[in-house]
Protein backbone atom coordinates (compact mmCIF):
# COMPACT_ATOMS: atom_id res chain seq x y z
CA UNK A 1 -40.88 -64.88 12.62
CA UNK A 2 -37.90 -66.85 11.37
CA UNK A 3 -34.35 -65.56 11.66
CA UNK A 4 -33.33 -63.09 9.00
CA UNK A 5 -30.55 -64.43 6.78
CA UNK A 6 -28.59 -62.70 4.05
CA UNK A 7 -26.38 -64.24 1.41
CA UNK A 8 -22.77 -62.99 1.28
CA UNK A 9 -23.65 -60.84 -1.74
CA UNK A 10 -26.69 -59.38 0.00
CA UNK A 11 -24.62 -58.74 3.14
CA UNK A 12 -22.06 -56.79 1.11
CA UNK A 13 -24.67 -54.74 -0.76
CA UNK A 14 -26.72 -53.95 2.36
CA UNK A 15 -23.51 -53.18 4.25
CA UNK A 16 -22.46 -50.77 1.52
CA UNK A 17 -25.82 -49.00 1.83
CA UNK A 18 -25.57 -48.90 5.63
CA UNK A 19 -22.15 -47.23 5.38
CA UNK A 20 -23.00 -44.90 2.50
CA UNK A 21 -22.22 -41.24 3.06
CA UNK A 22 -24.27 -39.81 0.19
CA UNK A 23 -27.43 -41.94 0.35
CA UNK A 24 -30.64 -40.66 1.93
CA UNK A 25 -30.51 -41.29 5.67
CA UNK A 26 -33.76 -43.27 5.64
CA UNK A 27 -32.11 -45.81 3.31
CA UNK A 28 -28.97 -45.93 5.46
CA UNK A 29 -31.11 -46.50 8.57
CA UNK A 30 -33.16 -49.28 6.98
CA UNK A 31 -30.04 -51.02 5.69
CA UNK A 32 -28.51 -50.80 9.17
CA UNK A 33 -31.62 -52.30 10.73
CA UNK A 34 -31.67 -55.21 8.29
CA UNK A 35 -27.93 -55.85 8.55
CA UNK A 36 -27.96 -55.64 12.35
CA UNK A 37 -30.92 -57.98 12.67
CA UNK A 38 -29.32 -60.49 10.30
CA UNK A 39 -25.96 -60.44 12.08
CA UNK A 40 -27.15 -60.33 15.68
CA UNK A 41 -30.68 -61.70 15.61
CA UNK A 42 -31.57 -59.47 18.57
CA UNK A 43 -34.13 -56.96 17.37
CA UNK A 44 -34.32 -55.19 20.74
CA UNK A 45 -30.60 -54.46 20.72
CA UNK A 46 -30.71 -53.27 17.09
CA UNK A 47 -33.66 -51.01 17.91
CA UNK A 48 -31.79 -49.54 20.86
CA UNK A 49 -28.62 -49.00 18.80
CA UNK A 50 -30.47 -47.08 16.08
CA UNK A 51 -32.91 -45.28 18.38
CA UNK A 52 -36.06 -46.79 16.89
CA UNK A 53 -38.79 -49.03 18.24
CA UNK A 54 -38.55 -52.81 18.14
CA UNK A 55 -41.63 -52.83 15.91
CA UNK A 56 -39.75 -50.75 13.34
CA UNK A 57 -36.96 -53.32 13.20
CA UNK A 58 -39.52 -56.13 12.98
CA UNK A 59 -41.39 -54.35 10.17
CA UNK A 60 -38.27 -53.89 8.02
CA UNK A 61 -37.18 -57.48 8.62
CA UNK A 62 -40.61 -58.70 7.55
CA UNK A 63 -40.47 -56.55 4.42
CA UNK A 64 -37.03 -57.95 3.57
CA UNK A 65 -38.25 -61.51 4.10
CA UNK A 66 -41.32 -60.93 1.93
CA UNK A 67 -38.95 -60.30 -0.99
CA UNK A 68 -36.37 -62.95 -0.08
CA UNK A 69 -37.48 -65.44 -2.77
CA UNK A 70 -37.27 -62.76 -5.47
CA UNK A 71 -33.87 -61.58 -4.24
CA UNK A 72 -32.53 -65.14 -4.25
CA UNK A 73 -33.87 -65.67 -7.75
CA UNK A 74 -32.27 -62.45 -9.03
CA UNK A 75 -28.97 -63.34 -7.40
CA UNK A 76 -28.87 -66.80 -8.96
CA UNK A 77 -29.67 -65.52 -12.45
């Protein structure tokens, strides 16, 4: 799997979700997993930090990457 990359706009939006106080905790967790994996690239460390399995981090990174082309297209519009 290739390294997860976020544009500056995506980083800000995902970071806002990861730090949200009123969002559902599942969304906050997923945003934290994606942001951590993009910034650090170490899925094992991110999994340990958030108390989830490495496969959970991998799964959410894969889901993000599966929509990357659409996200890039929406951002450039």
